[in-house]
Amino acid sequence: MLTPKNKNMVEIIESLIILGHQDAAQQIQDAAETCSSEMDALALALKTLSVEKINERTNRLIKRAKIQKPKYFSRLINIPERKLDLDYLAELESLDFIKDEHNLVVWGSPGTGKSWMLDAIATKACEQGFKTRTMTFPALYRELDKLNKRNSASFESRLKYYSKFKVLCIDEFPNKDIKEVFLIQEFFSEMEKNNVVLVVGSQSAPENWPKLISVLSLGQSMTGRIAGNAKRLHLEGPDLRYRTDLDLD
C-alpha cells in the first residue's frame, strides 16, 4: 500500500505544489493512500482531474451558449410516428459534420422536436469543447436591425462576435418578416467566411426558404450558404407538446 511518504510520490506532489497545481497534488496524494501501485495512483488522480476539468469547461460553454436547459441524446424520445433514423441520429451525435465544417438543417412541423434537437446538438458541442451559441432567428434579426440603425460600427462588432463561435444554433428560421434582407445576407456571408457551422431549425424545407424572403435572389443566396453543403434532418409526426405521457425534458 502506498503512503504519502513514498519518495517518488512525495517528489511529484512537492513539484506540483511548487508549480502552482495544488489541486492536482491533493488528488495524487489522496489516490496514493488508496491505490496499490504508484502508476495506479497517478492514473486515478489524472483521470479524476481530467473529468473535473472537462465538466468545468462544459458547464462554462453551456452557460456561454445560453442553452436554457441542456438536452441529451440519451433521452431522445423515439415513437413510431416520428420515423426516426436512429443510425443517422447517431451519426449526427458524433458531431463529425461540425469537424468537417458542414451545416445542419432540421425542419418539420411545430412540436416535432426541432428545438429539442438543436439544444441536444448544442449541448453535445459544448461537451466536446466547441464554442457554441444558441438563439432564435427573430431575436437575432431584431438585434442586428437595432444595431445597424444605431451605427454601422455596432453592427460590424456584433458580426465579429458571432463569427468567433464554432457553432451557431439558430431556431425558427426564417420566422420573421425580414425587411432589411441585406443585413441577414451579410450575416450569413460573414459566418460562411469564418467557417462557422450553422445548425438551423425551420418549419419549412430549405427549398421553400427563398419564397419566404422578400428579395428572391437574396433568399436563394442565403439558402445556398446555409443548406448547400448541409446535413439534413426532417422531423415528422404529431405535435409532442400535447403528449402528456412523455417526459420532454
C-alpha atoms as a PDB file:
ATOM      1  CA  MET A   1       0.000   0.000   0.000  1.00  0.00           C
ATOM      2  CA  LEU A   2       1.430   3.391  -0.993  1.00  0.00           C
ATOM      3  CA  THR A   3       1.552   6.215   1.501  1.00  0.00           C
ATOM      4  CA  PRO A   4       2.363   9.921   1.043  1.00  0.00           C
ATOM      5  CA  LYS A   5       5.858   9.058   2.361  1.00  0.00           C
ATOM      6  CA  ASN A   6       6.738   7.180  -0.850  1.00  0.00           C
ATOM      7  CA  LYS A   7       9.790   9.022  -2.207  1.00  0.00           C
ATOM      8  CA  ASN A   8       8.713   9.291  -5.858  1.00  0.00           C
ATOM      9  CA  MET A   9       5.195  10.266  -4.922  1.00  0.00           C
ATOM     10  CA  VAL A  10       6.386  12.890  -2.465  1.00  0.00           C
ATOM     11  CA  GLU A  11       8.646  14.419  -5.135  1.00  0.00           C
ATOM     12  CA  ILE A  12       5.773  14.535  -7.630  1.00  0.00           C
ATOM     13  CA  ILE A  13       3.437  16.128  -5.106  1.00  0.00           C
ATOM     14  CA  GLU A  14       6.023  18.691  -3.994  1.00  0.00           C
ATOM     15  CA  SER A  15       6.837  19.604  -7.607  1.00  0.00           C
ATOM     16  CA  LEU A  16       3.160  20.127  -8.434  1.00  0.00           C
ATOM     17  CA  ILE A  17       2.751  22.403  -5.413  1.00  0.00           C
ATOM     18  CA  ILE A  18       5.773  24.455  -6.480  1.00  0.00           C
ATOM     19  CA  LEU A  19       4.298  24.749  -9.978  1.00  0.00           C
ATOM     20  CA  GLY A  20       1.041  26.016  -8.516  1.00  0.00           C
ATOM     21  CA  HIS A  21      -1.044  22.882  -9.127  1.00  0.00           C
ATOM     22  CA  GLN A  22      -2.250  22.343  -5.598  1.00  0.00           C
ATOM     23  CA  ASP A  23      -5.466  20.605  -6.679  1.00  0.00           C
ATOM     24  CA  ALA A  24      -3.536  18.045  -8.721  1.00  0.00           C
ATOM     25  CA  ALA A  25      -1.121  17.485  -5.847  1.00  0.00           C
ATOM     26  CA  GLN A  26      -4.006  16.837  -3.458  1.00  0.00           C
ATOM     27  CA  GLN A  27      -5.672  14.420  -5.892  1.00  0.00           C
ATOM     28  CA  ILE A  28      -2.474  12.417  -6.286  1.00  0.00           C
ATOM     29  CA  GLN A  29      -1.865  12.345  -2.541  1.00  0.00           C
ATOM     30  CA  ASP A  30      -5.401  11.105  -1.916  1.00  0.00           C
ATOM     31  CA  ALA A  31      -5.036   8.442  -4.621  1.00  0.00           C
ATOM     32  CA  ALA A  32      -1.672   7.322  -3.237  1.00  0.00           C
ATOM     33  CA  GLU A  33      -3.315   6.491   0.067  1.00  0.00           C
ATOM     34  CA  THR A  34      -5.815   4.091  -1.527  1.00  0.00           C
ATOM     35  CA  CYS A  35      -4.086   2.560  -4.593  1.00  0.00           C
ATOM     36  CA  SER A  36      -1.785  -0.457  -4.603  1.00  0.00           C
ATOM     37  CA  SER A  37       0.796   0.955  -7.030  1.00  0.00           C
ATOM     38  CA  GLU A  38       2.333   4.266  -7.980  1.00  0.00           C
ATOM     39  CA  MET A  39       1.063   4.058 -11.555  1.00  0.00           C
ATOM     40  CA  ASP A  40      -2.469   3.236 -10.390  1.00  0.00           C
ATOM     41  CA  ALA A  41      -2.415   6.261  -8.122  1.00  0.00           C
ATOM     42  CA  LEU A  42      -1.241   8.574 -10.892  1.00  0.00           C
ATOM     43  CA  ALA A  43      -3.758   7.168 -13.374  1.00  0.00           C
ATOM     44  CA  LEU A  44      -6.656   7.544 -10.937  1.00  0.00           C
ATOM     45  CA  ALA A  45      -5.663  11.074  -9.951  1.00  0.00           C
ATOM     46  CA  LEU A  46      -5.168  12.274 -13.516  1.00  0.00           C
ATOM     47  CA  LYS A  47      -8.430  10.675 -14.647  1.00  0.00           C
ATOM     48  CA  THR A  48     -10.317  12.373 -11.827  1.00  0.00           C
ATOM     49  CA  LEU A  49      -8.720  15.718 -12.616  1.00  0.00           C
ATOM     50  CA  SER A  50      -9.404  15.450 -16.342  1.00  0.00           C
ATOM     51  CA  VAL A  51     -13.079  14.620 -15.743  1.00  0.00           C
ATOM     52  CA  GLU A  52     -13.400  17.596 -13.389  1.00  0.00           C
ATOM     53  CA  LYS A  53     -11.766  19.932 -15.921  1.00  0.00           C
ATOM     54  CA  ILE A  54     -13.955  18.659 -18.760  1.00  0.00           C
ATOM     55  CA  ASN A  55     -17.076  19.153 -16.636  1.00  0.00           C
ATOM     56  CA  GLU A  56     -15.970  22.682 -15.710  1.00  0.00           C
ATOM     57  CA  ARG A  57     -15.322  23.500 -19.377  1.00  0.00           C
ATOM     58  CA  THR A  58     -18.647  22.013 -20.448  1.00  0.00           C
ATOM     59  CA  ASN A  59     -20.599  23.970 -17.828  1.00  0.00           C
ATOM     60  CA  ARG A  60     -18.809  27.162 -18.835  1.00  0.00           C
ATOM     61  CA  LEU A  61     -19.537  26.610 -22.528  1.00  0.00           C
ATOM     62  CA  ILE A  62     -23.193  25.712 -21.873  1.00  0.00           C
ATOM     63  CA  LYS A  63     -23.618  28.928 -19.904  1.00  0.00           C
ATOM     64  CA  ARG A  64     -21.987  30.948 -22.686  1.00  0.00           C
ATOM     65  CA  ALA A  65     -24.119  29.174 -25.295  1.00  0.00           C
ATOM     66  CA  LYS A  66     -27.253  30.369 -23.478  1.00  0.00           C
ATOM     67  CA  ILE A  67     -28.862  26.943 -23.576  1.00  0.00           C
ATOM     68  CA  GLN A  68     -31.914  27.307 -21.348  1.00  0.00           C
ATOM     69  CA  LYS A  69     -31.826  23.658 -20.380  1.00  0.00           C
ATOM     70  CA  PRO A  70     -29.285  21.118 -21.693  1.00  0.00           C
ATOM     71  CA  LYS A  71     -30.735  18.241 -23.716  1.00  0.00           C
ATOM     72  CA  TYR A  72     -29.131  14.827 -24.138  1.00  0.00           C
ATOM     73  CA  PHE A  73     -29.430  12.270 -26.922  1.00  0.00           C
ATOM     74  CA  SER A  74     -29.734   9.542 -24.297  1.00  0.00           C
ATOM     75  CA  ARG A  75     -33.214  10.942 -23.552  1.00  0.00           C
ATOM     76  CA  LEU A  76     -34.293  11.020 -27.194  1.00  0.00           C
ATOM     77  CA  ILE A  77     -37.933  10.058 -27.452  1.00  0.00           C
ATOM     78  CA  ASN A  78     -38.484   7.532 -30.226  1.00  0.00           C
ATOM     79  CA  ILE A  79     -42.101   6.803 -31.132  1.00  0.00           C
ATOM     80  CA  PRO A  80     -43.130   5.124 -34.411  1.00  0.00           C
ATOM     81  CA  GLU A  81     -44.936   8.188 -35.787  1.00  0.00           C
ATOM     82  CA  ARG A  82     -41.700  10.173 -35.847  1.00  0.00           C
ATOM     83  CA  LYS A  83     -39.991   7.752 -38.280  1.00  0.00           C
ATOM     84  CA  LEU A  84     -36.571   8.498 -36.805  1.00  0.00           C
ATOM     85  CA  ASP A  85     -33.484   7.048 -38.451  1.00  0.00           C
ATOM     86  CA  LEU A  86     -31.535   6.168 -35.311  1.00  0.00           C
ATOM     87  CA  ASP A  87     -28.357   5.332 -37.231  1.00  0.00           C
ATOM     88  CA  TYR A  88     -28.410   8.763 -38.851  1.00  0.00           C
ATOM     89  CA  LEU A  89     -29.059  10.417 -35.480  1.00  0.00           C
ATOM     90  CA  ALA A  90     -26.065   8.551 -34.042  1.00  0.00           C
ATOM     91  CA  GLU A  91     -24.005   9.944 -36.911  1.00  0.00           C
ATOM     92  CA  LEU A  92     -25.168  13.472 -36.105  1.00  0.00           C
ATOM     93  CA  GLU A  93     -24.483  12.930 -32.401  1.00  0.00           C
ATOM     94  CA  SER A  94     -20.849  12.168 -33.242  1.00  0.00           C
ATOM     95  CA  LEU A  95     -20.626  15.789 -34.499  1.00  0.00           C
ATOM     96  CA  ASP A  96     -18.453  14.716 -37.417  1.00  0.00           C
ATOM     97  CA  PHE A  97     -20.394  17.215 -39.525  1.00  0.00           C
ATOM     98  CA  ILE A  98     -19.016  20.003 -37.326  1.00  0.00           C
ATOM     99  CA  LYS A  99     -15.467  18.699 -37.618  1.00  0.00           C
ATOM    100  CA  ASP A 100     -15.962  18.553 -41.395  1.00  0.00           C
ATOM    101  CA  GLU A 101     -17.476  22.076 -41.336  1.00  0.00           C
ATOM    102  CA  HIS A 102     -20.850  21.102 -42.755  1.00  0.00           C
ATOM    103  CA  ASN A 103     -24.017  22.855 -41.630  1.00  0.00           C
ATOM    104  CA  LEU A 104     -27.119  21.031 -40.387  1.00  0.00           C
ATOM    105  CA  VAL A 105     -30.704  21.911 -41.265  1.00  0.00           C
ATOM    106  CA  VAL A 106     -33.504  20.487 -39.090  1.00  0.00           C
ATOM    107  CA  TRP A 107     -37.058  21.074 -40.288  1.00  0.00           C
ATOM    108  CA  GLY A 108     -40.551  19.865 -39.578  1.00  0.00           C
ATOM    109  CA  SER A 109     -43.989  20.855 -38.344  1.00  0.00           C
ATOM    110  CA  PRO A 110     -44.444  22.532 -34.926  1.00  0.00           C
ATOM    111  CA  GLY A 111     -43.881  20.195 -31.994  1.00  0.00           C
ATOM    112  CA  THR A 112     -41.866  17.567 -33.853  1.00  0.00           C
ATOM    113  CA  GLY A 113     -38.753  18.223 -31.784  1.00  0.00           C
ATOM    114  CA  LYS A 114     -36.714  20.765 -33.762  1.00  0.00           C
ATOM    115  CA  SER A 115     -35.854  22.995 -30.806  1.00  0.00           C
ATOM    116  CA  TRP A 116     -35.092  19.951 -28.672  1.00  0.00           C
ATOM    117  CA  MET A 117     -32.751  18.626 -31.373  1.00  0.00           C
ATOM    118  CA  LEU A 118     -30.936  21.957 -31.692  1.00  0.00           C
ATOM    119  CA  ASP A 119     -30.422  22.093 -27.922  1.00  0.00           C
ATOM    120  CA  ALA A 120     -29.161  18.492 -27.934  1.00  0.00           C
ATOM    121  CA  ILE A 121     -26.663  19.301 -30.689  1.00  0.00           C
ATOM    122  CA  ALA A 122     -25.587  22.450 -28.822  1.00  0.00           C
ATOM    123  CA  THR A 123     -25.177  20.537 -25.549  1.00  0.00           C
ATOM    124  CA  LYS A 124     -23.102  17.850 -27.252  1.00  0.00           C
ATOM    125  CA  ALA A 125     -20.980  20.510 -28.968  1.00  0.00           C
ATOM    126  CA  CYS A 126     -20.254  22.104 -25.584  1.00  0.00           C
ATOM    127  CA  GLU A 127     -19.314  18.697 -24.163  1.00  0.00           C
ATOM    128  CA  GLN A 128     -16.804  18.278 -26.988  1.00  0.00           C
ATOM    129  CA  GLY A 129     -15.303  21.700 -26.394  1.00  0.00           C
ATOM    130  CA  PHE A 130     -16.803  23.640 -29.299  1.00  0.00           C
ATOM    131  CA  LYS A 131     -17.588  27.281 -28.603  1.00  0.00           C
ATOM    132  CA  THR A 132     -21.332  27.370 -29.249  1.00  0.00           C
ATOM    133  CA  ARG A 133     -24.203  29.852 -29.191  1.00  0.00           C
ATOM    134  CA  THR A 134     -27.954  29.259 -29.431  1.00  0.00           C
ATOM    135  CA  MET A 135     -30.607  31.798 -30.465  1.00  0.00           C
ATOM    136  CA  THR A 136     -33.858  32.217 -32.347  1.00  0.00           C
ATOM    137  CA  PHE A 137     -33.777  33.884 -35.729  1.00  0.00           C
ATOM    138  CA  PRO A 138     -36.409  36.534 -34.828  1.00  0.00           C
ATOM    139  CA  ALA A 139     -34.291  37.616 -31.833  1.00  0.00           C
ATOM    140  CA  LEU A 140     -31.152  37.649 -33.962  1.00  0.00           C
ATOM    141  CA  TYR A 141     -32.828  39.746 -36.649  1.00  0.00           C
ATOM    142  CA  ARG A 142     -34.162  42.274 -34.138  1.00  0.00           C
ATOM    143  CA  GLU A 143     -30.722  42.588 -32.571  1.00  0.00           C
ATOM    144  CA  LEU A 144     -28.876  43.120 -35.859  1.00  0.00           C
ATOM    145  CA  ASP A 145     -31.501  45.543 -37.176  1.00  0.00           C
ATOM    146  CA  LYS A 146     -31.352  47.616 -33.982  1.00  0.00           C
ATOM    147  CA  LEU A 147     -27.545  47.755 -34.006  1.00  0.00           C
ATOM    148  CA  ASN A 148     -27.407  48.671 -37.671  1.00  0.00           C
ATOM    149  CA  LYS A 149     -29.826  51.557 -37.131  1.00  0.00           C
ATOM    150  CA  ARG A 150     -27.680  52.787 -34.240  1.00  0.00           C
ATOM    151  CA  ASN A 151     -24.447  52.797 -36.273  1.00  0.00           C
ATOM    152  CA  SER A 152     -22.540  50.544 -38.626  1.00  0.00           C
ATOM    153  CA  ALA A 153     -19.690  50.047 -36.126  1.00  0.00           C
ATOM    154  CA  SER A 154     -22.029  48.374 -33.618  1.00  0.00           C
ATOM    155  CA  PHE A 155     -23.358  46.114 -36.342  1.00  0.00           C
ATOM    156  CA  GLU A 156     -19.874  45.144 -37.543  1.00  0.00           C
ATOM    157  CA  SER A 157     -18.768  44.486 -33.977  1.00  0.00           C
ATOM    158  CA  ARG A 158     -21.663  42.068 -33.464  1.00  0.00           C
ATOM    159  CA  LEU A 159     -20.841  40.230 -36.670  1.00  0.00           C
ATOM    160  CA  LYS A 160     -17.299  39.736 -35.389  1.00  0.00           C
ATOM    161  CA  TYR A 161     -18.687  38.493 -32.071  1.00  0.00           C
ATOM    162  CA  TYR A 162     -20.809  35.804 -33.714  1.00  0.00           C
ATOM    163  CA  SER A 163     -18.058  34.830 -36.159  1.00  0.00           C
ATOM    164  CA  LYS A 164     -15.849  33.763 -33.214  1.00  0.00           C
ATOM    165  CA  PHE A 165     -18.165  30.851 -32.379  1.00  0.00           C
ATOM    166  CA  LYS A 166     -17.550  27.481 -33.977  1.00  0.00           C
ATOM    167  CA  VAL A 167     -21.244  26.530 -33.852  1.00  0.00           C
ATOM    168  CA  LEU A 168     -24.331  28.731 -34.095  1.00  0.00           C
ATOM    169  CA  CYS A 169     -27.701  27.070 -33.478  1.00  0.00           C
ATOM    170  CA  ILE A 170     -30.417  29.278 -34.996  1.00  0.00           C
ATOM    171  CA  ASP A 171     -34.013  28.201 -34.425  1.00  0.00           C
ATOM    172  CA  GLU A 172     -37.216  29.468 -36.104  1.00  0.00           C
ATOM    173  CA  PHE A 173     -35.657  30.419 -39.432  1.00  0.00           C
ATOM    174  CA  PRO A 174     -36.986  32.355 -41.281  1.00  0.00           C
ATOM    175  CA  ASN A 175     -39.985  33.003 -38.985  1.00  0.00           C
ATOM    176  CA  LYS A 176     -39.751  36.766 -39.313  1.00  0.00           C
ATOM    177  CA  ASP A 177     -40.831  39.420 -41.788  1.00  0.00           C
ATOM    178  CA  ILE A 178     -37.353  40.372 -42.988  1.00  0.00           C
ATOM    179  CA  LYS A 179     -37.401  43.954 -44.190  1.00  0.00           C
ATOM    180  CA  GLU A 180     -33.640  44.507 -44.086  1.00  0.00           C
ATOM    181  CA  VAL A 181     -32.699  41.499 -46.157  1.00  0.00           C
ATOM    182  CA  PHE A 182     -29.179  42.752 -46.852  1.00  0.00           C
ATOM    183  CA  LEU A 183     -28.344  42.651 -43.132  1.00  0.00           C
ATOM    184  CA  ILE A 184     -29.166  38.971 -42.932  1.00  0.00           C
ATOM    185  CA  GLN A 185     -27.365  38.277 -46.199  1.00  0.00           C
ATOM    186  CA  GLU A 186     -24.258  39.940 -44.756  1.00  0.00           C
ATOM    187  CA  PHE A 187     -24.603  37.983 -41.512  1.00  0.00           C
ATOM    188  CA  PHE A 188     -24.672  34.595 -43.234  1.00  0.00           C
ATOM    189  CA  SER A 189     -21.904  35.649 -45.612  1.00  0.00           C
ATOM    190  CA  GLU A 190     -19.684  36.586 -42.666  1.00  0.00           C
ATOM    191  CA  MET A 191     -20.406  33.288 -40.886  1.00  0.00           C
ATOM    192  CA  GLU A 192     -19.541  31.334 -44.029  1.00  0.00           C
ATOM    193  CA  LYS A 193     -16.302  33.292 -44.481  1.00  0.00           C
ATOM    194  CA  ASN A 194     -15.240  32.445 -40.926  1.00  0.00           C
ATOM    195  CA  ASN A 195     -16.168  28.748 -41.210  1.00  0.00           C
ATOM    196  CA  VAL A 196     -18.859  28.974 -38.551  1.00  0.00           C
ATOM    197  CA  VAL A 197     -21.024  25.839 -38.574  1.00  0.00           C
ATOM    198  CA  LEU A 198     -24.732  26.649 -38.642  1.00  0.00           C
ATOM    199  CA  VAL A 199     -27.372  24.388 -37.125  1.00  0.00           C
ATOM    200  CA  VAL A 200     -30.675  25.799 -38.343  1.00  0.00           C
ATOM    201  CA  GLY A 201     -34.202  24.853 -37.267  1.00  0.00           C
ATOM    202  CA  SER A 202     -37.148  25.667 -39.522  1.00  0.00           C
ATOM    203  CA  GLN A 203     -40.761  24.787 -40.114  1.00  0.00           C
ATOM    204  CA  SER A 204     -40.091  24.797 -43.863  1.00  0.00           C
ATOM    205  CA  ALA A 205     -37.847  22.674 -46.038  1.00  0.00           C
ATOM    206  CA  PRO A 206     -34.850  24.625 -47.390  1.00  0.00           C
ATOM    207  CA  GLU A 207     -36.297  24.513 -50.902  1.00  0.00           C
ATOM    208  CA  ASN A 208     -39.125  26.774 -49.702  1.00  0.00           C
ATOM    209  CA  TRP A 209     -36.972  29.399 -47.986  1.00  0.00           C
ATOM    210  CA  PRO A 210     -36.416  31.701 -50.997  1.00  0.00           C
ATOM    211  CA  LYS A 211     -40.188  32.158 -51.330  1.00  0.00           C
ATOM    212  CA  LEU A 212     -40.361  33.367 -47.713  1.00  0.00           C
ATOM    213  CA  ILE A 213     -37.836  36.161 -48.254  1.00  0.00           C
ATOM    214  CA  SER A 214     -38.866  39.382 -49.985  1.00  0.00           C
ATOM    215  CA  VAL A 215     -35.923  39.508 -52.385  1.00  0.00           C
ATOM    216  CA  LEU A 216     -35.904  36.161 -54.189  1.00  0.00           C
ATOM    217  CA  SER A 217     -32.288  36.329 -55.333  1.00  0.00           C
ATOM    218  CA  LEU A 218     -31.066  37.037 -51.803  1.00  0.00           C
ATOM    219  CA  GLY A 219     -33.285  34.288 -50.466  1.00  0.00           C
ATOM    220  CA  GLN A 220     -31.700  31.887 -52.925  1.00  0.00           C
ATOM    221  CA  SER A 221     -28.247  33.089 -51.953  1.00  0.00           C
ATOM    222  CA  MET A 222     -28.931  32.659 -48.225  1.00  0.00           C
ATOM    223  CA  THR A 223     -30.389  29.223 -48.808  1.00  0.00           C
ATOM    224  CA  GLY A 224     -27.288  28.226 -50.708  1.00  0.00           C
ATOM    225  CA  ARG A 225     -24.977  29.446 -47.972  1.00  0.00           C
ATOM    226  CA  ILE A 226     -26.892  27.623 -45.242  1.00  0.00           C
ATOM    227  CA  ALA A 227     -28.128  24.453 -46.927  1.00  0.00           C
ATOM    228  CA  GLY A 228     -25.771  23.999 -49.855  1.00  0.00           C
ATOM    229  CA  ASN A 229     -23.389  21.570 -48.144  1.00  0.00           C
ATOM    230  CA  ALA A 230     -25.562  20.874 -45.118  1.00  0.00           C
ATOM    231  CA  LYS A 231     -26.626  17.658 -43.485  1.00  0.00           C
ATOM    232  CA  ARG A 232     -30.413  17.477 -43.295  1.00  0.00           C
ATOM    233  CA  LEU A 233     -32.879  16.092 -40.796  1.00  0.00           C
ATOM    234  CA  HIS A 234     -36.613  16.078 -41.478  1.00  0.00           C
ATOM    235  CA  LEU A 235     -38.643  15.514 -38.308  1.00  0.00           C
ATOM    236  CA  GLU A 236     -42.137  14.131 -38.770  1.00  0.00           C
ATOM    237  CA  GLY A 237     -45.060  13.013 -36.642  1.00  0.00           C
ATOM    238  CA  PRO A 238     -47.527  14.554 -34.196  1.00  0.00           C
ATOM    239  CA  ASP A 239     -47.056  17.603 -32.000  1.00  0.00           C
ATOM    240  CA  LEU A 240     -45.264  16.099 -28.995  1.00  0.00           C
ATOM    241  CA  ARG A 241     -46.041  19.103 -26.816  1.00  0.00           C
ATOM    242  CA  TYR A 242     -49.586  17.808 -26.370  1.00  0.00           C
ATOM    243  CA  ARG A 243     -48.462  14.348 -25.283  1.00  0.00           C
ATOM    244  CA  THR A 244     -48.998  14.153 -21.513  1.00  0.00           C
ATOM    245  CA  ASP A 245     -47.416  10.684 -21.332  1.00  0.00           C
ATOM    246  CA  LEU A 246     -43.958  11.861 -22.441  1.00  0.00           C
ATOM    247  CA  ASP A 247     -41.125  13.407 -20.452  1.00  0.00           C
ATOM    248  CA  LEU A 248     -39.805  16.046 -22.838  1.00  0.00           C
ATOM    249  CA  ASP A 249     -37.061  17.313 -20.544  1.00  0.00           C
END
